[in-house]
Amino acid sequence: MQSQGISNEAIRKRISRVEPPLYKLSKYFKNRQSLIYHIDHINGREYYNGLISAFETAGKSYFAAIKALEYHQGYLRKDELANYLISPVGNLKKHKKAEVIIKDLIKLKVIQENEDYYSLNPLYSRSGDFKHFKGINIAKEVTIKQLYNWARSINLVSYDKGTFNSEYSGFQWAFVGPSYISTVLQFKEEKLNPGFIVSDILIIDMVEKSHIEFFIAKLEIIKRLNVPKVIPLLLVNKVSNEALQLLKEKGIIVGFIEKIFGPGYSQLLSSLIKVIEEAGKLLKSDPDKFIKLLDQINKFVDGGVNNLRGDLFELAVGYFYSSQCQVLEIGKKISHEGQITDIDVLVIKQDRLILAECKGYKSNISKQVIEDWITNKIPLFYKWVNSQSLLRGKKITFEFWSASEYTEDARKIFTERSDVLRKYEVKIYDRQEIIKMAKDFRITKFIEIMNNYFIKVPA
């Protein structure tokens, strides 16, 4: 309209009076700007492309969330997304909180909320493979924990005060730890106060300049606050020359994984991601690779498999079934009637299906966990199975595997609820029952895996 010689004031008046089939989207953009769209475009690719472009231009806080999900191939855990935002989790003047940004994007259907993670709407962007996401997620988890162990081994942070996905100065970071290094100590009110290490992690693809903007933006904001000094550290695998130069100019420590943790660490992460991504196929064709991976983790990672037992336990259960079935899938993502979840272990036999929920927790399984499994998860799984022509008609068993025990209330609710079920069978196993079952099936290597890495009970 400006090209037609229409004044800004006249343009604003026209926009304020838009009528169907035109609509405007307001309250998400700076300087009270609005996005005008045609009703025929709503929820289509053209609409989403325009919306994302508008966020890039006039809604940086929203665009940061989209960029973070794009970099992570469409998925991020719920407790992680705020790490990559330029919006605070605490209260800061003139800044929308991270939870508001996330809720707005869900309302606009740009991102989708699932049980444990957020994902990009596939209309906007093709998300990566869900199993690849799980592999990357575990690789990030083990690496950020390794950073903590490394930092305290050289006295960079207090030995037992580090926290993950936690707040510092209003913003969330992958790792935060108090530091008593002399250059960051401050003496206030007759008390010696530590500085803080703040760190985030980008280890999937080549890190470009646009990928690090969130980290720099968080640091620029907290510089203006009256807070303790920080030592910023960004963990990366590969970084472009342009991004590296900018990080250096901003005084940010660039933590190259291979250089901090030693030769072979990047290869370990690649192997870990590949094993998780191809778990079902690998456990069927070459199950010993899983054992080799466990040995590698113990070699390179402080705390070894013990730090990853919750994530790797479903692979151990898959190993148990690998020689007993036709098809094995680990971490299978399913969708039914708008509900999205994932099956930890799916075992397909000639005449039977087994859907196993796997918890490698050290703590006992509570009544609430079992109740949720029976009341919410199993009915959804059952409906999904019956919607699949290749699976429909097989006998179905739902199993709950625990590397620990069950509380008395959990066993009680299981007995009460399972006694009335007729359409399918449900079973629960604790660590001792798992070992007994493995002995009955004479799966010696599985018993070794459980005893060496997960439950450590006499064979």
Protein backbone atom coordinates (compact mmCIF):
# COMPACT_ATOMS: atom_id res chain seq x y z
CA MET A 1 0.00 0.00 0.00
CA GLN A 2 2.93 2.33 0.62
CA SER A 3 3.98 1.81 -3.01
CA GLN A 4 0.55 3.10 -3.99
CA GLY A 5 1.21 6.38 -2.17
CA ILE A 6 -1.06 5.59 0.78
CA SER A 7 0.07 7.16 4.06
CA ASN A 8 1.00 5.11 7.13
CA GLU A 9 -1.95 6.52 9.04
CA ALA A 10 -4.36 5.47 6.27
CA ILE A 11 -2.78 2.00 6.16
CA ARG A 12 -3.25 1.60 9.92
CA LYS A 13 -6.91 2.56 9.62
CA ARG A 14 -7.49 0.04 6.84
CA ILE A 15 -5.83 -2.70 8.84
CA SER A 16 -7.92 -1.90 11.92
CA ARG A 17 -11.07 -2.32 9.83
CA VAL A 18 -10.27 -5.67 8.11
CA GLU A 19 -13.34 -7.82 7.57
CA PRO A 20 -13.94 -11.45 6.57
CA PRO A 21 -12.55 -13.25 4.68
CA LEU A 22 -9.51 -11.31 5.93
CA TYR A 23 -8.43 -11.57 9.57
CA LYS A 24 -5.56 -10.18 11.60
CA LEU A 25 -3.29 -11.77 14.15
CA SER A 26 -2.13 -9.34 16.83
CA LYS A 27 -0.40 -9.29 20.25
CA TYR A 28 2.55 -11.41 19.11
CA PHE A 29 4.63 -8.81 17.27
CA LYS A 30 6.63 -5.77 18.31
CA ASN A 31 5.37 -2.20 17.87
CA ARG A 32 1.76 -3.46 17.89
CA GLN A 33 2.12 -4.89 14.38
CA SER A 34 -0.43 -7.38 13.01
CA LEU A 35 -0.33 -10.22 10.50
CA ILE A 36 -3.18 -10.14 7.96
CA TYR A 37 -4.29 -13.48 6.49
CA HIS A 38 -7.08 -14.93 4.37
CA ILE A 39 -9.39 -17.47 5.99
CA ASP A 40 -8.71 -19.95 3.16
CA HIS A 41 -5.03 -20.03 4.17
CA ILE A 42 -5.52 -20.77 7.87
CA ASN A 43 -3.61 -23.86 9.05
CA GLY A 44 -2.08 -24.35 5.60
CA ARG A 45 1.61 -24.27 4.67
CA GLU A 46 1.32 -20.77 3.16
CA TYR A 47 -0.17 -19.48 6.42
CA TYR A 48 2.57 -21.06 8.53
CA ASN A 49 5.35 -19.83 6.25
CA GLY A 50 3.98 -16.30 6.55
CA LEU A 51 3.64 -16.62 10.32
CA ILE A 52 7.21 -17.87 10.76
CA SER A 53 8.50 -15.09 8.51
CA ALA A 54 6.60 -12.54 10.63
CA PHE A 55 8.14 -13.96 13.82
CA GLU A 56 11.60 -13.72 12.29
CA THR A 57 11.02 -10.05 11.50
CA ALA A 58 8.98 -8.82 14.46
CA GLY A 59 8.69 -11.63 17.03
CA LYS A 60 12.23 -12.67 17.94
CA SER A 61 11.24 -14.42 21.17
CA TYR A 62 8.90 -16.74 19.28
CA PHE A 63 11.36 -17.26 16.45
CA ALA A 64 14.05 -18.38 18.91
CA ALA A 65 11.86 -21.33 19.93
CA ILE A 66 11.28 -22.29 16.30
CA LYS A 67 15.01 -22.07 15.50
CA ALA A 68 15.82 -24.24 18.52
CA LEU A 69 13.38 -26.94 17.41
CA GLU A 70 14.64 -26.73 13.83
CA TYR A 71 18.24 -27.24 14.93
CA HIS A 72 17.20 -30.23 17.02
CA GLN A 73 15.39 -31.73 14.02
CA GLY A 74 11.91 -30.91 15.23
CA TYR A 75 11.96 -32.17 18.83
CA LEU A 76 13.03 -30.94 22.27
CA ARG A 77 12.28 -32.27 25.72
CA LYS A 78 9.89 -30.14 27.75
CA ASP A 79 12.48 -29.43 30.43
CA GLU A 80 15.03 -28.37 27.78
CA LEU A 81 13.27 -25.99 25.40
CA ALA A 82 13.61 -22.99 27.73
CA ASN A 83 17.42 -23.40 27.59
CA TYR A 84 17.33 -22.24 23.97
CA LEU A 85 14.94 -19.31 24.36
CA ILE A 86 15.75 -15.63 24.76
CA SER A 87 12.80 -15.39 27.15
CA PRO A 88 13.26 -15.71 30.92
CA VAL A 89 11.75 -18.39 33.11
CA GLY A 90 11.76 -15.89 35.97
CA ASN A 91 10.22 -12.43 36.16
CA LEU A 92 12.13 -9.79 34.19
CA LYS A 93 10.64 -6.43 33.24
CA LYS A 94 9.74 -5.96 29.55
CA HIS A 95 10.28 -9.66 28.78
CA LYS A 96 7.59 -12.27 28.15
CA LYS A 97 8.23 -15.41 30.18
CA ALA A 98 9.26 -18.61 28.42
CA GLU A 99 6.06 -20.38 29.47
CA VAL A 100 3.99 -17.65 27.78
CA ILE A 101 5.99 -17.97 24.54
CA ILE A 102 5.52 -21.75 24.54
CA LYS A 103 1.79 -21.56 25.32
CA ASP A 104 1.28 -18.99 22.54
CA LEU A 105 3.07 -21.20 20.00
CA ILE A 106 0.94 -24.17 21.04
CA LYS A 107 -2.20 -22.05 20.73
CA LEU A 108 -1.10 -20.97 17.25
CA LYS A 109 -0.39 -24.63 16.40
CA VAL A 110 3.21 -23.88 15.46
CA ILE A 111 4.43 -26.43 17.99
CA GLN A 112 2.74 -29.47 19.46
CA GLU A 113 2.84 -30.60 23.08
CA ASN A 114 3.40 -34.28 23.73
CA GLU A 115 3.90 -36.26 26.92
CA ASP A 116 7.57 -35.45 27.49
CA TYR A 117 8.56 -33.20 24.61
CA TYR A 118 7.58 -30.43 22.19
CA SER A 119 7.67 -30.86 18.41
CA LEU A 120 7.26 -28.63 15.39
CA ASN A 121 3.96 -28.81 13.56
CA PRO A 122 4.67 -31.02 10.50
CA LEU A 123 2.68 -28.56 8.37
CA TYR A 124 5.44 -26.05 8.94
CA SER A 125 8.50 -28.26 8.94
CA ARG A 126 9.31 -31.92 8.51
CA SER A 127 10.47 -33.17 11.87
CA GLY A 128 13.39 -35.56 12.06
CA ASP A 129 13.07 -39.20 12.98
CA PHE A 130 11.74 -39.62 16.51
CA LYS A 131 14.24 -42.38 17.29
CA HIS A 132 17.06 -40.09 16.16
CA PHE A 133 15.73 -37.48 18.57
CA LYS A 134 15.89 -40.00 21.41
CA GLY A 135 19.49 -40.84 20.54
CA ILE A 136 20.47 -37.18 20.41
CA ASN A 137 18.69 -36.54 23.68
CA ILE A 138 20.66 -39.25 25.47
CA ALA A 139 23.93 -38.03 23.89
CA LYS A 140 23.26 -34.50 25.16
CA GLU A 141 22.35 -35.77 28.62
CA VAL A 142 25.52 -37.80 29.02
CA THR A 143 27.67 -34.95 27.64
CA ILE A 144 26.32 -32.23 29.94
CA LYS A 145 26.81 -34.54 32.93
CA GLN A 146 30.34 -35.20 31.73
CA LEU A 147 30.91 -31.43 31.60
CA TYR A 148 29.93 -31.19 35.26
CA ASN A 149 32.34 -33.98 36.21
CA TRP A 150 35.13 -32.34 34.20
CA ALA A 151 34.49 -28.87 35.67
CA ARG A 152 34.56 -30.04 39.27
CA SER A 153 37.62 -32.22 38.65
CA ILE A 154 39.63 -29.06 37.89
CA ASN A 155 37.95 -27.07 40.69
CA LEU A 156 36.08 -24.84 38.24
CA VAL A 157 32.76 -25.38 40.06
CA SER A 158 31.76 -26.46 43.55
CA TYR A 159 31.83 -30.23 43.79
CA ASP A 160 28.18 -30.94 44.59
CA LYS A 161 26.32 -27.73 43.69
CA GLY A 162 25.87 -28.10 39.92
CA THR A 163 22.35 -28.23 38.49
CA PHE A 164 20.88 -29.09 35.08
CA ASN A 165 18.17 -27.29 33.07
CA SER A 166 18.00 -24.74 35.86
CA GLU A 167 17.64 -21.01 36.36
CA TYR A 168 20.31 -18.39 36.78
CA SER A 169 19.54 -14.64 36.67
CA GLY A 170 16.04 -15.31 35.34
CA PHE A 171 17.08 -17.50 32.40
CA GLN A 172 17.32 -21.27 32.07
CA TRP A 173 20.60 -23.00 31.16
CA ALA A 174 21.60 -26.59 30.44
CA PHE A 175 24.11 -26.41 33.30
CA VAL A 176 24.66 -23.95 36.16
CA GLY A 177 27.33 -24.25 38.83
CA PRO A 178 28.79 -21.86 41.42
CA SER A 179 32.49 -21.08 40.94
CA TYR A 180 35.03 -19.87 43.48
CA ILE A 181 37.68 -19.02 40.89
CA SER A 182 39.33 -15.82 42.13
CA THR A 183 38.46 -13.70 39.08
CA VAL A 184 34.70 -14.14 39.57
CA LEU A 185 34.51 -13.92 43.36
CA GLN A 186 32.80 -10.84 44.80
CA PHE A 187 32.84 -9.55 48.36
CA LYS A 188 29.45 -8.12 49.31
CA GLU A 189 27.89 -7.38 52.67
CA GLU A 190 30.91 -8.85 54.47
CA LYS A 191 30.44 -12.13 52.61
CA LEU A 192 32.40 -13.82 49.83
CA ASN A 193 30.02 -14.64 46.96
CA PRO A 194 30.81 -17.02 44.10
CA GLY A 195 30.44 -16.39 40.40
CA PHE A 196 28.67 -18.94 38.21
CA ILE A 197 29.44 -21.17 35.25
CA VAL A 198 26.53 -21.12 32.79
CA SER A 199 26.54 -23.52 29.86
CA ASP A 200 24.38 -24.68 26.97
CA ILE A 201 25.00 -27.42 24.42
CA LEU A 202 24.77 -27.65 20.61
CA ILE A 203 26.17 -30.94 19.35
CA ILE A 204 24.00 -32.18 16.47
CA ASP A 205 25.07 -30.38 13.31
CA MET A 206 27.50 -27.65 12.33
CA VAL A 207 26.84 -24.68 14.61
CA GLU A 208 26.24 -21.54 12.55
CA LYS A 209 26.02 -17.92 13.64
CA SER A 210 22.21 -18.01 13.78
CA HIS A 211 22.30 -20.99 16.17
CA ILE A 212 24.23 -19.13 18.88
CA GLU A 213 22.11 -15.98 18.96
CA PHE A 214 20.01 -17.27 21.88
CA PHE A 215 23.09 -17.82 24.06
CA ILE A 216 24.54 -14.40 23.31
CA ALA A 217 21.15 -12.72 23.85
CA LYS A 218 20.75 -14.28 27.32
CA LEU A 219 24.25 -13.14 28.30
CA GLU A 220 23.69 -9.59 27.00
CA ILE A 221 20.56 -9.24 29.14
CA ILE A 222 22.10 -10.55 32.37
CA LYS A 223 25.11 -8.24 31.90
CA ARG A 224 22.72 -5.36 32.59
CA LEU A 225 21.51 -6.94 35.83
CA ASN A 226 23.08 -6.65 39.24
CA VAL A 227 24.05 -10.32 39.51
CA PRO A 228 27.22 -12.31 40.27
CA LYS A 229 29.81 -12.63 37.51
CA VAL A 230 29.48 -15.50 35.06
CA ILE A 231 31.82 -17.72 33.07
CA PRO A 232 29.88 -18.56 29.87
CA LEU A 233 30.70 -21.86 28.17
CA LEU A 234 29.05 -23.25 25.03
CA LEU A 235 29.58 -26.96 24.34
CA VAL A 236 29.86 -27.74 20.63
CA ASN A 237 30.97 -30.50 18.31
CA LYS A 238 31.51 -28.53 15.10
CA VAL A 239 31.29 -24.76 14.64
CA SER A 240 31.61 -22.50 11.58
CA ASN A 241 34.43 -19.95 11.41
CA GLU A 242 31.92 -17.08 11.49
CA ALA A 243 30.19 -18.41 14.61
CA LEU A 244 33.52 -19.16 16.30
CA GLN A 245 34.75 -15.64 15.67
CA LEU A 246 31.59 -14.13 17.14
CA LEU A 247 31.83 -16.32 20.25
CA LYS A 248 35.43 -15.19 20.76
CA GLU A 249 34.46 -11.53 20.33
CA LYS A 250 31.78 -11.95 23.00
CA GLY A 251 34.25 -13.53 25.43
CA ILE A 252 32.50 -16.91 25.45
CA ILE A 253 34.42 -20.12 26.11
CA VAL A 254 33.95 -22.56 23.25
CA GLY A 255 34.04 -26.10 24.63
CA PHE A 256 34.92 -28.49 21.82
CA ILE A 257 33.77 -31.91 23.00
CA GLU A 258 36.67 -33.87 21.53
CA LYS A 259 39.23 -31.53 23.09
CA ILE A 260 37.65 -31.43 26.56
CA PHE A 261 36.77 -35.10 26.93
CA GLY A 262 39.50 -36.62 24.80
CA PRO A 263 39.86 -38.52 21.51
CA GLY A 264 37.11 -41.03 20.90
CA TYR A 265 34.37 -39.15 22.73
CA SER A 266 32.70 -37.84 19.57
CA GLN A 267 32.81 -41.37 18.13
CA LEU A 268 31.10 -42.64 21.29
CA LEU A 269 28.29 -40.12 20.84
CA SER A 270 27.88 -41.12 17.18
CA SER A 271 27.71 -44.79 18.17
CA LEU A 272 25.24 -44.02 20.93
CA ILE A 273 22.93 -42.10 18.60
CA LYS A 274 23.12 -44.82 15.93
CA VAL A 275 22.36 -47.62 18.39
CA ILE A 276 19.31 -45.75 19.77
CA GLU A 277 18.14 -44.79 16.27
CA GLU A 278 18.42 -48.33 14.88
CA ALA A 279 17.83 -50.20 18.15
CA GLY A 280 15.19 -52.67 16.99
CA LYS A 281 17.01 -53.65 13.79
CA LEU A 282 20.40 -53.81 15.52
CA LEU A 283 19.21 -55.91 18.45
CA LYS A 284 17.75 -58.41 15.98
CA SER A 285 20.77 -58.60 13.67
CA ASP A 286 23.77 -57.89 15.92
CA PRO A 287 22.77 -57.71 19.62
CA ASP A 288 26.40 -57.81 20.76
CA LYS A 289 26.79 -54.21 19.53
CA PHE A 290 24.59 -53.16 22.43
CA ILE A 291 26.98 -54.82 24.88
CA LYS A 292 29.95 -53.12 23.18
CA LEU A 293 28.20 -49.77 23.53
CA LEU A 294 27.69 -50.31 27.26
CA ASP A 295 31.40 -51.09 27.59
CA GLN A 296 32.27 -47.92 25.64
CA ILE A 297 30.08 -45.77 27.87
CA ASN A 298 31.75 -47.16 30.98
CA LYS A 299 35.15 -46.41 29.44
CA PHE A 300 34.58 -42.81 28.38
CA VAL A 301 31.87 -41.52 30.72
CA ASP A 302 32.30 -40.84 34.43
CA GLY A 303 29.63 -42.82 36.26
CA GLY A 304 29.18 -44.97 33.16
CA VAL A 305 25.88 -46.64 32.38
CA ASN A 306 24.66 -45.84 35.88
CA ASN A 307 24.07 -42.25 34.72
CA LEU A 308 21.99 -43.49 31.76
CA ARG A 309 20.22 -46.51 33.18
CA GLY A 310 16.77 -44.97 32.75
CA ASP A 311 17.37 -44.29 29.07
CA LEU A 312 19.14 -47.54 28.19
CA PHE A 313 16.90 -49.92 30.13
CA GLU A 314 14.41 -50.22 27.27
CA LEU A 315 17.27 -51.42 25.04
CA ALA A 316 18.07 -54.08 27.63
CA VAL A 317 14.45 -55.24 27.53
CA GLY A 318 14.68 -55.25 23.73
CA TYR A 319 17.80 -57.42 24.02
CA PHE A 320 15.80 -59.93 26.09
CA TYR A 321 13.18 -60.28 23.36
CA SER A 322 15.50 -59.99 20.34
CA SER A 323 15.75 -63.75 19.70
CA GLN A 324 12.09 -64.48 20.47
CA CYS A 325 10.21 -62.43 17.88
CA GLN A 326 9.79 -61.63 14.21
CA VAL A 327 9.87 -57.84 14.54
CA LEU A 328 11.29 -55.66 17.34
CA GLU A 329 10.86 -51.89 17.65
CA ILE A 330 12.31 -49.65 20.36
CA GLY A 331 10.83 -46.22 21.13
CA LYS A 332 8.10 -46.42 18.51
CA LYS A 333 6.17 -43.18 18.15
CA ILE A 334 2.44 -43.62 17.57
CA SER A 335 -0.49 -41.29 16.96
CA HIS A 336 -4.19 -42.07 17.37
CA GLU A 337 -7.15 -39.68 17.32
CA GLY A 338 -4.91 -36.67 17.94
CA GLN A 339 -3.03 -38.27 20.84
CA ILE A 340 0.70 -38.84 20.42
CA THR A 341 2.87 -41.09 22.58
CA ASP A 342 5.57 -43.72 22.21
CA ILE A 343 5.87 -47.42 22.96
CA ASP A 344 9.11 -48.27 24.76
CA VAL A 345 9.38 -51.79 23.34
CA LEU A 346 7.09 -53.35 20.72
CA VAL A 347 7.50 -57.11 20.22
CA ILE A 348 5.70 -58.70 17.27
CA LYS A 349 5.42 -62.50 17.29
CA GLN A 350 3.50 -64.81 14.99
CA ASP A 351 0.31 -64.73 17.04
CA ARG A 352 1.03 -62.24 19.84
CA LEU A 353 2.00 -58.63 20.49
CA ILE A 354 3.90 -57.47 23.56
CA LEU A 355 3.99 -53.77 24.40
CA ALA A 356 6.43 -53.14 27.22
CA GLU A 357 6.75 -50.03 29.39
CA CYS A 358 10.30 -49.85 30.78
CA LYS A 359 11.52 -47.90 33.81
CA GLY A 360 15.15 -48.09 34.82
CA TYR A 361 14.56 -45.98 37.93
CA LYS A 362 16.49 -46.62 41.12
CA SER A 363 13.42 -45.58 43.11
CA ASN A 364 10.43 -47.88 43.51
CA ILE A 365 7.50 -47.61 41.09
CA SER A 366 4.60 -45.75 42.69
CA LYS A 367 0.88 -46.34 42.62
CA GLN A 368 0.43 -43.20 40.49
CA VAL A 369 2.75 -44.52 37.76
CA ILE A 370 0.94 -47.87 37.53
CA GLU A 371 -2.48 -46.21 37.64
CA ASP A 372 -1.54 -43.87 34.77
CA TRP A 373 -0.20 -46.82 32.75
CA ILE A 374 -3.38 -48.87 33.16
CA THR A 375 -5.88 -45.99 32.94
CA ASN A 376 -4.38 -43.81 30.21
CA LYS A 377 -1.57 -45.46 28.29
CA ILE A 378 -2.86 -49.01 27.80
CA PRO A 379 -6.26 -47.95 26.39
CA LEU A 380 -4.51 -45.67 23.87
CA PHE A 381 -2.07 -48.44 22.89
CA TYR A 382 -4.97 -50.88 22.52
CA LYS A 383 -6.93 -48.53 20.25
CA TRP A 384 -3.84 -47.93 18.13
CA VAL A 385 -3.17 -51.68 17.73
CA ASN A 386 -6.75 -52.23 16.57
CA SER A 387 -6.38 -49.46 14.00
CA GLN A 388 -3.43 -51.29 12.38
CA SER A 389 -4.52 -53.91 9.87
CA LEU A 390 -1.26 -55.88 10.16
CA LEU A 391 -1.52 -56.09 13.95
CA ARG A 392 -5.25 -56.41 14.49
CA GLY A 393 -6.40 -59.83 15.67
CA LYS A 394 -3.23 -60.85 17.50
CA LYS A 395 -3.32 -61.59 21.23
CA ILE A 396 -2.01 -58.60 23.20
CA THR A 397 0.06 -58.48 26.37
CA PHE A 398 0.99 -55.23 28.07
CA GLU A 399 4.04 -55.48 30.32
CA PHE A 400 5.67 -53.12 32.82
CA TRP A 401 9.38 -53.76 33.44
CA SER A 402 11.09 -52.14 36.44
CA ALA A 403 14.78 -52.28 37.35
CA SER A 404 13.71 -51.60 40.95
CA GLU A 405 10.65 -52.67 42.97
CA TYR A 406 6.97 -51.66 43.23
CA THR A 407 5.44 -50.03 46.27
CA GLU A 408 2.77 -51.99 48.10
CA ASP A 409 0.11 -49.57 46.85
CA ALA A 410 1.33 -49.99 43.27
CA ARG A 411 0.98 -53.78 43.42
CA LYS A 412 -2.43 -53.44 45.06
CA ILE A 413 -3.82 -51.14 42.37
CA PHE A 414 -2.36 -53.38 39.67
CA THR A 415 -4.10 -56.46 41.13
CA GLU A 416 -7.41 -54.63 41.51
CA ARG A 417 -7.40 -53.25 37.99
CA SER A 418 -5.93 -56.23 36.14
CA ASP A 419 -8.42 -58.73 37.61
CA VAL A 420 -11.28 -57.16 35.66
CA LEU A 421 -9.51 -56.97 32.27
CA ARG A 422 -10.63 -59.41 29.58
CA LYS A 423 -9.61 -57.99 26.20
CA TYR A 424 -5.88 -58.23 26.87
CA GLU A 425 -3.32 -59.45 29.38
CA VAL A 426 -1.24 -57.24 31.68
CA LYS A 427 1.88 -58.16 33.63
CA ILE A 428 4.41 -56.38 35.82
CA TYR A 429 7.98 -57.45 36.57
CA ASP A 430 10.40 -56.21 39.22
CA ARG A 431 14.18 -56.78 39.12
CA GLN A 432 14.08 -60.18 40.82
CA GLU A 433 11.25 -61.41 38.59
CA ILE A 434 13.19 -60.21 35.55
CA ILE A 435 16.27 -62.20 36.55
CA LYS A 436 14.18 -65.29 37.27
CA MET A 437 12.48 -65.03 33.88
CA ALA A 438 15.87 -64.69 32.15
CA LYS A 439 17.13 -67.79 33.96
CA ASP A 440 14.03 -69.70 32.90
CA PHE A 441 14.68 -68.72 29.27
CA ARG A 442 18.44 -69.33 29.75
CA ILE A 443 19.38 -65.89 28.38
CA THR A 444 22.77 -65.75 30.12
CA LYS A 445 24.06 -62.57 28.48
CA PHE A 446 20.92 -60.69 29.46
CA ILE A 447 21.47 -61.68 33.10
CA GLU A 448 25.05 -60.36 32.80
CA ILE A 449 23.78 -57.08 31.33
CA MET A 450 21.28 -56.60 34.15
CA ASN A 451 23.74 -57.49 36.90
CA ASN A 452 26.64 -55.49 35.47
CA TYR A 453 24.80 -52.34 34.44
CA PHE A 454 21.33 -52.06 35.94
CA ILE A 455 20.39 -53.96 39.08
CA LYS A 456 23.51 -55.63 40.45
CA VAL A 457 21.93 -58.60 42.17
CA PRO A 458 23.64 -62.00 42.47
CA ALA A 459 23.15 -64.25 39.45
